[in-house]
Amino acid sequence: MRYVTLADHALRPQQKDKIFEASSRAKAAIKELGEENVINSTLGECLDDEGRLMVLPLVEERIRSMSIEEMFSYAPIAGVQGFNKAVEVALFGDNNRGFVIEAVPTPGGCGALRHVVWNYLDMGEAVITTEFYWGPYKGICEEHGRKLETFSMFNSQGGFNLEALDEKMAEVAERQKQILLILNTPANNPTGYTMTPQEMAGVVELIRKYAKDEERKITLCLDVSYIDYDAEFEESRRIFDELTDMPENTMVTVIFSMSKSFTMCGLRCGAIVCLSPTEEAARCFKDAMTFSSRSTWSNVIRPAQKVLVDICLDEDLKREADSQREKFRQIITKRGHTFLEEAGRAGLACCPYKHGFFITVPYENADKLAQALQEEQVYVVPLVKGIRFSPCAVTEEKCRRAPGIIKRVMERLEGEA
């Protein structure tokens, strides 16, 4: 340990990122064996049937035609002109449900999550989320001195487990006055599950229950990164209808990702958004988030913000982008349902899936299963309680082949136990 002067909190076990590690192995296998002989279901990027990145043509066109000044100038910390309205249009169209909406740009949805975890809990407090979650949730919490606690996501009928959430909220409420609940829906990563409006109404009732203690502060954070790959626009936004008339000691925040909705993964831009009933609360939110931005990454990439503004504030361009994205959505949905159909034939159990980039196959020893699948040239991401398969990155034909291979490998492992 000589010459290592890191602070104690930074001396933690360093583990390789499972997603990018699996992806690297898959790419090496493709180089050696050929694309047709490898199923690379690791990253959350949309690929076409030839393995090329799927980017909205309109987004590519706007980026390529951008001036040098627009491309390389600093962006204001609170967002370029029109950014707030553009995010509102992207999320709600012309029906904002009466919310006062403020949006602050962040480096992707990941940056938005960082702001929520840092600003809505104190050191040592716990974030609540579902047992199936995007891996960096835990790292973001730990990096900022918070903890992540989970509850069982599904009930015995395959729906959202409100009873388990109630139990977890009661447990956390015994220890801390602030509650931060993060729910990744629609098209959850990693399961592809979408909560119904009725289930969201149930969550709101639980929030009202715990908000009766007026000294308690409750924040509901909806990570809607995959909302545009769920159902059609209005259907996928129905969950927002349940979020009105919230108690005064609550706040609703939203994680918005341009990596997904506008296929700009590498430009790393998103937003942390508040859905407030009052101008005062929205202004307080904006002040806190912009201070955090200035104190961490300062400002966020300008070109991605400008593309969002150009498209969303022009009705014709917005319509064109939506049409292009709809084709991507249909491709991914068809792949996902193809996987599920074949899983049914193979007797392979999956978590409830509706739409989106990912499907989860429950399995206790996920690392062992993922490693065994690599011997069959199937590359997946191991989770805490299963493996994640990515229809967004795999052809329909490979989605048809994969379930049988996974089931066969699982049976072999069980036979060896």
Protein backbone atom coordinates (compact mmCIF):
# COMPACT_ATOMS: atom_id res chain seq x y z
CA MET A 1 0.00 0.00 0.00
CA ARG A 2 3.00 2.36 -0.10
CA TYR A 3 2.43 5.54 -2.12
CA VAL A 4 -1.34 5.00 -2.07
CA THR A 5 -2.79 8.15 -0.54
CA LEU A 6 -6.45 7.64 -1.34
CA ALA A 7 -8.93 8.58 1.36
CA ASP A 8 -10.33 5.63 3.28
CA HIS A 9 -13.74 5.86 1.60
CA ALA A 10 -12.08 5.45 -1.82
CA LEU A 11 -10.27 2.26 -0.83
CA ARG A 12 -13.06 -0.09 -1.77
CA PRO A 13 -13.05 -3.37 -3.72
CA GLN A 14 -12.83 -2.58 -7.41
CA GLN A 15 -14.86 -4.90 -9.61
CA LYS A 16 -14.95 -4.98 -13.37
CA ASP A 17 -18.16 -3.70 -14.94
CA LYS A 18 -20.05 -6.88 -15.82
CA ILE A 19 -21.81 -5.33 -18.80
CA PHE A 20 -18.75 -4.00 -20.55
CA GLU A 21 -16.64 -7.02 -19.61
CA ALA A 22 -19.20 -9.39 -21.19
CA SER A 23 -19.45 -7.12 -24.22
CA SER A 24 -15.66 -7.17 -24.71
CA ARG A 25 -15.61 -10.96 -24.63
CA ALA A 26 -18.49 -11.14 -27.09
CA LYS A 27 -16.77 -8.79 -29.52
CA ALA A 28 -13.59 -10.85 -29.33
CA ALA A 29 -15.61 -13.99 -30.09
CA ILE A 30 -17.30 -12.30 -33.05
CA LYS A 31 -13.91 -11.31 -34.44
CA GLU A 32 -12.71 -14.89 -34.15
CA LEU A 33 -15.84 -16.87 -35.06
CA GLY A 34 -17.94 -14.50 -37.12
CA GLU A 35 -21.08 -12.50 -36.34
CA GLU A 36 -23.47 -15.29 -37.30
CA ASN A 37 -21.96 -17.69 -34.73
CA VAL A 38 -22.17 -15.43 -31.68
CA ILE A 39 -25.18 -14.03 -29.79
CA ASN A 40 -23.99 -10.79 -28.21
CA SER A 41 -26.80 -9.74 -25.90
CA THR A 42 -24.94 -7.42 -23.57
CA LEU A 43 -25.13 -3.67 -24.21
CA GLY A 44 -28.26 -1.54 -24.20
CA GLU A 45 -27.71 -0.14 -27.69
CA CYS A 46 -30.12 -0.69 -30.56
CA LEU A 47 -28.51 -2.58 -33.43
CA ASP A 48 -30.08 -3.44 -36.78
CA ASP A 49 -30.01 -6.91 -38.31
CA GLU A 50 -26.57 -6.20 -39.79
CA GLY A 51 -25.17 -5.27 -36.39
CA ARG A 52 -25.02 -1.52 -37.10
CA LEU A 53 -25.97 1.07 -34.49
CA MET A 54 -29.51 2.33 -35.00
CA VAL A 55 -29.52 6.13 -34.94
CA LEU A 56 -32.49 8.32 -35.81
CA PRO A 57 -31.66 9.66 -39.29
CA LEU A 58 -32.99 13.09 -38.33
CA VAL A 59 -30.67 13.25 -35.31
CA GLU A 60 -27.66 12.32 -37.44
CA GLU A 61 -28.64 14.95 -39.99
CA ARG A 62 -28.92 17.69 -37.36
CA ILE A 63 -25.55 16.79 -35.81
CA ARG A 64 -23.74 16.76 -39.16
CA SER A 65 -25.17 20.12 -40.19
CA MET A 66 -24.35 21.90 -36.92
CA SER A 67 -22.11 24.96 -36.97
CA ILE A 68 -18.71 24.95 -35.29
CA GLU A 69 -19.91 27.50 -32.73
CA GLU A 70 -22.98 25.45 -31.83
CA MET A 71 -20.93 22.28 -31.65
CA PHE A 72 -18.10 23.48 -29.42
CA SER A 73 -19.33 26.44 -27.34
CA TYR A 74 -20.09 26.09 -23.66
CA ALA A 75 -23.73 25.47 -22.82
CA PRO A 76 -25.44 27.35 -19.98
CA ILE A 77 -25.52 25.29 -16.79
CA ALA A 78 -29.33 25.31 -16.71
CA GLY A 79 -29.56 24.34 -20.39
CA VAL A 80 -29.53 26.04 -23.77
CA GLN A 81 -32.42 28.30 -24.73
CA GLY A 82 -35.55 26.24 -25.17
CA PHE A 83 -34.19 23.15 -23.39
CA ASN A 84 -36.78 23.16 -20.61
CA LYS A 85 -39.67 23.37 -23.06
CA ALA A 86 -38.11 20.75 -25.33
CA VAL A 87 -37.88 18.25 -22.46
CA GLU A 88 -41.50 18.99 -21.55
CA VAL A 89 -42.62 18.33 -25.13
CA ALA A 90 -40.54 15.13 -25.34
CA LEU A 91 -42.09 13.81 -22.14
CA PHE A 92 -45.66 15.08 -22.40
CA GLY A 93 -46.39 16.37 -25.88
CA ASP A 94 -49.04 19.08 -25.55
CA ASN A 95 -50.53 17.79 -22.28
CA ASN A 96 -48.34 18.52 -19.26
CA ARG A 97 -51.10 17.47 -16.80
CA GLY A 98 -50.95 20.87 -15.11
CA PHE A 99 -47.46 20.34 -13.69
CA VAL A 100 -44.95 23.15 -13.33
CA ILE A 101 -42.03 21.51 -15.10
CA GLU A 102 -38.37 22.35 -14.67
CA ALA A 103 -35.55 20.43 -16.31
CA VAL A 104 -31.80 20.66 -15.77
CA PRO A 105 -29.45 18.93 -18.26
CA THR A 106 -27.23 16.12 -16.98
CA PRO A 107 -24.66 13.73 -18.50
CA GLY A 108 -27.25 11.13 -19.50
CA GLY A 109 -29.78 9.56 -17.18
CA CYS A 110 -26.87 8.48 -14.98
CA GLY A 111 -26.10 12.10 -14.10
CA ALA A 112 -29.75 12.72 -13.32
CA LEU A 113 -29.76 9.77 -10.94
CA ARG A 114 -26.66 11.18 -9.25
CA HIS A 115 -28.45 14.48 -8.61
CA VAL A 116 -31.50 12.76 -7.14
CA VAL A 117 -29.52 10.53 -4.80
CA TRP A 118 -27.34 13.42 -3.60
CA ASN A 119 -30.05 16.05 -3.18
CA TYR A 120 -32.97 14.13 -1.73
CA LEU A 121 -31.26 12.09 1.00
CA ASP A 122 -28.66 12.76 3.67
CA MET A 123 -25.45 10.81 4.23
CA GLY A 124 -26.03 7.22 5.33
CA GLU A 125 -29.69 7.13 4.32
CA ALA A 126 -31.23 4.49 2.06
CA VAL A 127 -32.73 4.67 -1.42
CA ILE A 128 -35.59 2.25 -2.11
CA THR A 129 -35.97 0.48 -5.46
CA THR A 130 -37.07 -2.85 -6.92
CA GLU A 131 -34.97 -6.02 -6.58
CA PHE A 132 -34.34 -5.98 -10.35
CA TYR A 133 -32.50 -2.74 -11.09
CA TRP A 134 -29.84 -1.23 -13.33
CA GLY A 135 -26.51 -2.07 -11.69
CA PRO A 136 -25.11 1.49 -11.41
CA TYR A 137 -27.96 2.44 -9.05
CA LYS A 138 -26.01 0.74 -6.28
CA GLY A 139 -22.69 2.31 -7.26
CA ILE A 140 -24.18 5.79 -7.42
CA CYS A 141 -25.59 5.36 -3.92
CA GLU A 142 -22.31 4.07 -2.50
CA GLU A 143 -20.25 6.76 -4.23
CA HIS A 144 -22.33 9.41 -2.50
CA GLY A 145 -22.53 7.88 0.97
CA ARG A 146 -26.01 6.44 0.60
CA LYS A 147 -27.31 2.86 0.61
CA LEU A 148 -29.57 0.97 -1.77
CA GLU A 149 -32.34 -1.23 -0.37
CA THR A 150 -34.72 -3.30 -2.49
CA PHE A 151 -38.09 -5.01 -2.28
CA SER A 152 -39.57 -7.94 -4.19
CA MET A 153 -40.69 -6.53 -7.54
CA PHE A 154 -43.38 -9.02 -8.55
CA ASN A 155 -46.29 -10.56 -6.68
CA SER A 156 -47.57 -14.09 -7.20
CA GLN A 157 -49.76 -12.91 -10.11
CA GLY A 158 -46.80 -11.38 -11.95
CA GLY A 159 -47.86 -7.81 -11.19
CA PHE A 160 -46.09 -5.03 -9.30
CA ASN A 161 -45.69 -5.96 -5.63
CA LEU A 162 -47.33 -3.10 -3.74
CA GLU A 163 -47.42 -5.13 -0.52
CA ALA A 164 -43.64 -5.61 -0.55
CA LEU A 165 -43.14 -1.92 -1.26
CA ASP A 166 -45.38 -1.02 1.69
CA GLU A 167 -43.30 -3.23 3.98
CA LYS A 168 -40.03 -1.71 2.78
CA MET A 169 -41.31 1.87 3.13
CA ALA A 170 -42.45 1.11 6.68
CA GLU A 171 -39.03 -0.35 7.52
CA VAL A 172 -37.14 2.63 6.09
CA ALA A 173 -39.53 5.15 7.66
CA GLU A 174 -38.59 3.78 11.08
CA ARG A 175 -34.98 4.86 10.52
CA GLN A 176 -35.14 8.08 8.50
CA LYS A 177 -37.47 11.01 7.90
CA GLN A 178 -36.66 11.26 4.20
CA ILE A 179 -37.79 8.61 1.73
CA LEU A 180 -36.52 8.39 -1.84
CA LEU A 181 -38.25 5.80 -4.01
CA ILE A 182 -36.81 5.18 -7.50
CA LEU A 183 -39.01 3.24 -9.93
CA ASN A 184 -37.73 2.40 -13.41
CA THR A 185 -40.84 2.22 -15.59
CA PRO A 186 -42.09 1.96 -18.34
CA ALA A 187 -40.02 -0.82 -19.98
CA ASN A 188 -37.93 -1.52 -16.90
CA ASN A 189 -34.23 -2.23 -17.18
CA PRO A 190 -33.57 -5.17 -16.80
CA THR A 191 -36.98 -6.90 -16.99
CA GLY A 192 -38.98 -5.03 -19.62
CA TYR A 193 -41.90 -4.70 -17.19
CA THR A 194 -44.22 -1.69 -17.39
CA MET A 195 -46.31 -0.66 -14.41
CA THR A 196 -49.99 -0.10 -15.10
CA PRO A 197 -51.71 3.18 -14.20
CA GLN A 198 -53.55 1.25 -11.49
CA GLU A 199 -50.25 0.07 -10.01
CA MET A 200 -48.90 3.62 -10.10
CA ALA A 201 -52.07 4.78 -8.34
CA GLY A 202 -51.28 2.19 -5.66
CA VAL A 203 -47.79 3.63 -5.25
CA VAL A 204 -49.27 7.12 -4.87
CA GLU A 205 -51.63 5.85 -2.16
CA LEU A 206 -48.65 4.46 -0.26
CA ILE A 207 -46.87 7.81 -0.59
CA ARG A 208 -49.96 9.56 0.79
CA LYS A 209 -50.04 7.08 3.67
CA TYR A 210 -46.46 7.78 4.75
CA ALA A 211 -46.75 11.51 4.03
CA LYS A 212 -49.36 11.88 6.78
CA ASP A 213 -46.39 12.52 9.05
CA GLU A 214 -45.87 16.14 7.97
CA GLU A 215 -42.23 16.11 9.13
CA ARG A 216 -41.44 13.40 6.59
CA LYS A 217 -40.21 14.26 3.09
CA ILE A 218 -40.99 11.78 0.32
CA THR A 219 -39.57 11.92 -3.20
CA LEU A 220 -40.82 9.67 -5.98
CA CYS A 221 -38.28 9.43 -8.79
CA LEU A 222 -39.49 7.86 -12.02
CA ASP A 223 -36.67 6.67 -14.24
CA VAL A 224 -38.42 6.78 -17.63
CA SER A 225 -35.30 6.28 -19.72
CA TYR A 226 -37.06 3.70 -21.94
CA ILE A 227 -40.48 5.34 -22.14
CA ASP A 228 -40.34 5.84 -25.90
CA TYR A 229 -39.81 2.12 -26.47
CA ASP A 230 -42.87 1.11 -24.47
CA ALA A 231 -46.36 1.44 -25.93
CA GLU A 232 -47.49 4.27 -28.21
CA PHE A 233 -46.98 7.82 -26.93
CA GLU A 234 -50.23 8.51 -25.07
CA GLU A 235 -50.50 4.98 -23.66
CA SER A 236 -46.96 5.07 -22.27
CA ARG A 237 -47.67 8.42 -20.55
CA ARG A 238 -50.79 7.26 -18.68
CA ILE A 239 -48.75 6.69 -15.49
CA PHE A 240 -48.32 10.47 -15.18
CA ASP A 241 -52.09 10.89 -14.81
CA GLU A 242 -51.87 9.35 -11.33
CA LEU A 243 -49.35 11.85 -9.97
CA THR A 244 -51.59 14.88 -9.38
CA ASP A 245 -52.85 16.20 -6.02
CA MET A 246 -49.81 14.95 -4.14
CA PRO A 247 -49.24 15.98 -0.48
CA GLU A 248 -47.17 19.13 0.11
CA ASN A 249 -44.30 17.19 1.69
CA THR A 250 -43.72 15.16 -1.49
CA MET A 251 -42.02 15.74 -4.84
CA VAL A 252 -42.06 13.87 -8.13
CA THR A 253 -38.85 13.84 -10.17
CA VAL A 254 -38.20 12.21 -13.54
CA ILE A 255 -35.05 10.80 -15.15
CA PHE A 256 -35.03 11.65 -18.88
CA SER A 257 -32.50 10.02 -21.21
CA MET A 258 -31.63 11.29 -24.68
CA SER A 259 -29.35 8.26 -25.08
CA LYS A 260 -32.48 6.17 -25.54
CA SER A 261 -35.22 8.49 -26.80
CA PHE A 262 -32.97 10.25 -29.32
CA THR A 263 -30.31 7.52 -29.86
CA MET A 264 -27.44 9.75 -28.71
CA CYS A 265 -25.76 7.28 -26.34
CA GLY A 266 -22.23 8.58 -26.83
CA LEU A 267 -23.14 12.26 -26.47
CA ARG A 268 -24.22 11.62 -22.86
CA CYS A 269 -27.13 13.98 -22.34
CA GLY A 270 -30.30 13.69 -20.33
CA ALA A 271 -32.15 15.69 -17.72
CA ILE A 272 -33.36 15.66 -14.16
CA VAL A 273 -36.94 16.91 -14.25
CA CYS A 274 -39.42 17.93 -11.57
CA LEU A 275 -43.20 17.71 -11.87
CA SER A 276 -44.26 20.30 -9.35
CA PRO A 277 -47.68 21.70 -8.43
CA THR A 278 -46.18 25.12 -7.61
CA GLU A 279 -43.80 27.63 -9.16
CA GLU A 280 -41.99 28.07 -5.84
CA ALA A 281 -41.16 24.38 -5.42
CA ALA A 282 -40.05 24.14 -9.05
CA ARG A 283 -37.76 27.14 -8.63
CA CYS A 284 -36.24 25.59 -5.49
CA PHE A 285 -35.63 22.37 -7.44
CA LYS A 286 -33.93 24.23 -10.30
CA ASP A 287 -31.67 26.16 -7.92
CA ALA A 288 -30.54 22.98 -6.15
CA MET A 289 -29.92 21.02 -9.34
CA THR A 290 -27.98 23.78 -11.12
CA PHE A 291 -25.78 24.26 -8.03
CA SER A 292 -25.03 20.52 -8.05
CA SER A 293 -24.24 20.65 -11.75
CA ARG A 294 -21.85 23.59 -11.37
CA SER A 295 -20.12 21.78 -8.53
CA THR A 296 -19.66 18.45 -10.32
CA TRP A 297 -19.48 18.58 -14.14
CA SER A 298 -20.21 22.32 -14.56
CA ASN A 299 -22.25 22.14 -17.75
CA VAL A 300 -23.45 19.48 -20.20
CA ILE A 301 -22.67 18.89 -23.88
CA ARG A 302 -24.25 21.56 -26.05
CA PRO A 303 -24.88 19.74 -29.39
CA ALA A 304 -27.23 17.15 -27.89
CA GLN A 305 -29.26 19.86 -26.16
CA LYS A 306 -29.49 21.83 -29.41
CA VAL A 307 -30.69 18.77 -31.34
CA LEU A 308 -33.42 18.20 -28.75
CA VAL A 309 -34.55 21.83 -28.95
CA ASP A 310 -34.48 21.92 -32.76
CA ILE A 311 -36.57 18.76 -33.06
CA CYS A 312 -39.03 19.08 -30.20
CA LEU A 313 -39.90 22.74 -30.77
CA ASP A 314 -40.65 22.20 -34.47
CA GLU A 315 -43.89 20.26 -35.00
CA ASP A 316 -42.84 18.84 -38.37
CA LEU A 317 -39.42 17.69 -37.16
CA LYS A 318 -40.93 16.24 -33.97
CA ARG A 319 -43.42 14.26 -36.07
CA GLU A 320 -40.61 12.99 -38.30
CA ALA A 321 -38.44 11.92 -35.35
CA ASP A 322 -41.38 10.15 -33.71
CA SER A 323 -42.07 8.27 -36.95
CA GLN A 324 -38.45 7.17 -37.25
CA ARG A 325 -38.33 6.07 -33.61
CA GLU A 326 -41.58 4.14 -33.97
CA LYS A 327 -39.91 1.88 -36.52
CA PHE A 328 -37.13 1.15 -34.02
CA ARG A 329 -39.68 0.51 -31.27
CA GLN A 330 -41.57 -2.01 -33.38
CA ILE A 331 -38.38 -3.88 -34.29
CA ILE A 332 -37.29 -4.18 -30.66
CA THR A 333 -40.76 -5.14 -29.43
CA LYS A 334 -41.06 -7.86 -32.07
CA ARG A 335 -37.67 -9.27 -31.07
CA GLY A 336 -38.65 -9.26 -27.39
CA HIS A 337 -41.92 -11.07 -28.00
CA THR A 338 -40.17 -13.56 -30.28
CA PHE A 339 -37.81 -14.39 -27.41
CA LEU A 340 -40.76 -14.82 -25.03
CA GLU A 341 -42.64 -17.08 -27.44
CA GLU A 342 -39.62 -19.33 -27.86
CA ALA A 343 -38.99 -19.26 -24.11
CA GLY A 344 -42.53 -20.54 -23.62
CA ARG A 345 -41.90 -23.40 -26.03
CA ALA A 346 -38.61 -24.25 -24.31
CA GLY A 347 -40.07 -24.07 -20.81
CA LEU A 348 -37.78 -21.16 -19.89
CA ALA A 349 -39.22 -18.93 -17.15
CA CYS A 350 -38.81 -15.17 -17.62
CA CYS A 351 -39.75 -12.14 -15.56
CA PRO A 352 -42.93 -10.43 -16.80
CA TYR A 353 -42.00 -8.50 -19.97
CA LYS A 354 -44.10 -5.99 -21.87
CA HIS A 355 -41.77 -3.79 -23.91
CA GLY A 356 -38.27 -2.42 -24.06
CA PHE A 357 -34.62 -3.25 -24.47
CA PHE A 358 -34.26 -6.10 -21.97
CA ILE A 359 -35.63 -9.41 -20.70
CA THR A 360 -34.60 -11.08 -17.43
CA VAL A 361 -34.35 -14.83 -16.89
CA PRO A 362 -34.39 -15.52 -13.11
CA TYR A 363 -31.56 -17.72 -11.87
CA GLU A 364 -29.88 -17.85 -8.48
CA ASN A 365 -26.28 -18.39 -9.63
CA ALA A 366 -26.32 -15.88 -12.47
CA ASP A 367 -22.54 -15.57 -12.79
CA LYS A 368 -22.18 -19.32 -13.26
CA LEU A 369 -24.95 -19.42 -15.85
CA ALA A 370 -23.53 -16.46 -17.78
CA GLN A 371 -20.09 -18.07 -17.83
CA ALA A 372 -21.51 -21.40 -19.03
CA LEU A 373 -23.46 -19.64 -21.78
CA GLN A 374 -20.25 -18.10 -23.08
CA GLU A 375 -19.10 -21.64 -23.90
CA GLU A 376 -22.12 -21.77 -26.23
CA GLN A 377 -21.23 -18.33 -27.64
CA VAL A 378 -24.22 -16.67 -25.96
CA TYR A 379 -23.22 -13.53 -24.06
CA VAL A 380 -25.57 -12.07 -21.45
CA VAL A 381 -25.26 -9.83 -18.39
CA PRO A 382 -25.37 -11.56 -14.97
CA LEU A 383 -27.53 -9.82 -12.37
CA VAL A 384 -28.00 -10.47 -8.67
CA LYS A 385 -30.97 -12.78 -9.30
CA GLY A 386 -30.83 -13.68 -12.97
CA ILE A 387 -29.38 -12.91 -16.38
CA ARG A 388 -30.27 -10.01 -18.67
CA PHE A 389 -30.87 -10.61 -22.37
CA SER A 390 -30.99 -7.63 -24.76
CA PRO A 391 -33.40 -7.97 -27.71
CA CYS A 392 -32.46 -4.42 -28.68
CA ALA A 393 -29.01 -5.64 -29.76
CA VAL A 394 -29.87 -9.09 -31.18
CA THR A 395 -31.56 -10.10 -34.43
CA GLU A 396 -34.98 -11.72 -34.40
CA GLU A 397 -33.42 -14.96 -35.60
CA LYS A 398 -31.02 -14.99 -32.64
CA CYS A 399 -33.87 -14.14 -30.28
CA ARG A 400 -35.53 -17.27 -31.60
CA ARG A 401 -32.43 -19.42 -31.01
CA ALA A 402 -31.31 -18.11 -27.62
CA PRO A 403 -34.08 -19.39 -25.27
CA GLY A 404 -33.47 -23.05 -26.19
CA ILE A 405 -29.73 -22.66 -25.61
CA ILE A 406 -30.27 -20.95 -22.25
CA LYS A 407 -32.72 -23.63 -21.11
CA ARG A 408 -30.37 -26.42 -22.17
CA VAL A 409 -27.42 -24.90 -20.31
CA MET A 410 -29.55 -24.36 -17.19
CA GLU A 411 -30.59 -28.03 -17.21
CA ARG A 412 -26.96 -29.09 -17.62
CA LEU A 413 -25.88 -26.97 -14.65
CA GLU A 414 -28.70 -28.33 -12.54
CA GLY A 415 -27.69 -31.86 -13.48
CA GLU A 416 -24.11 -31.19 -12.39
CA ALA A 417 -25.15 -29.76 -9.01
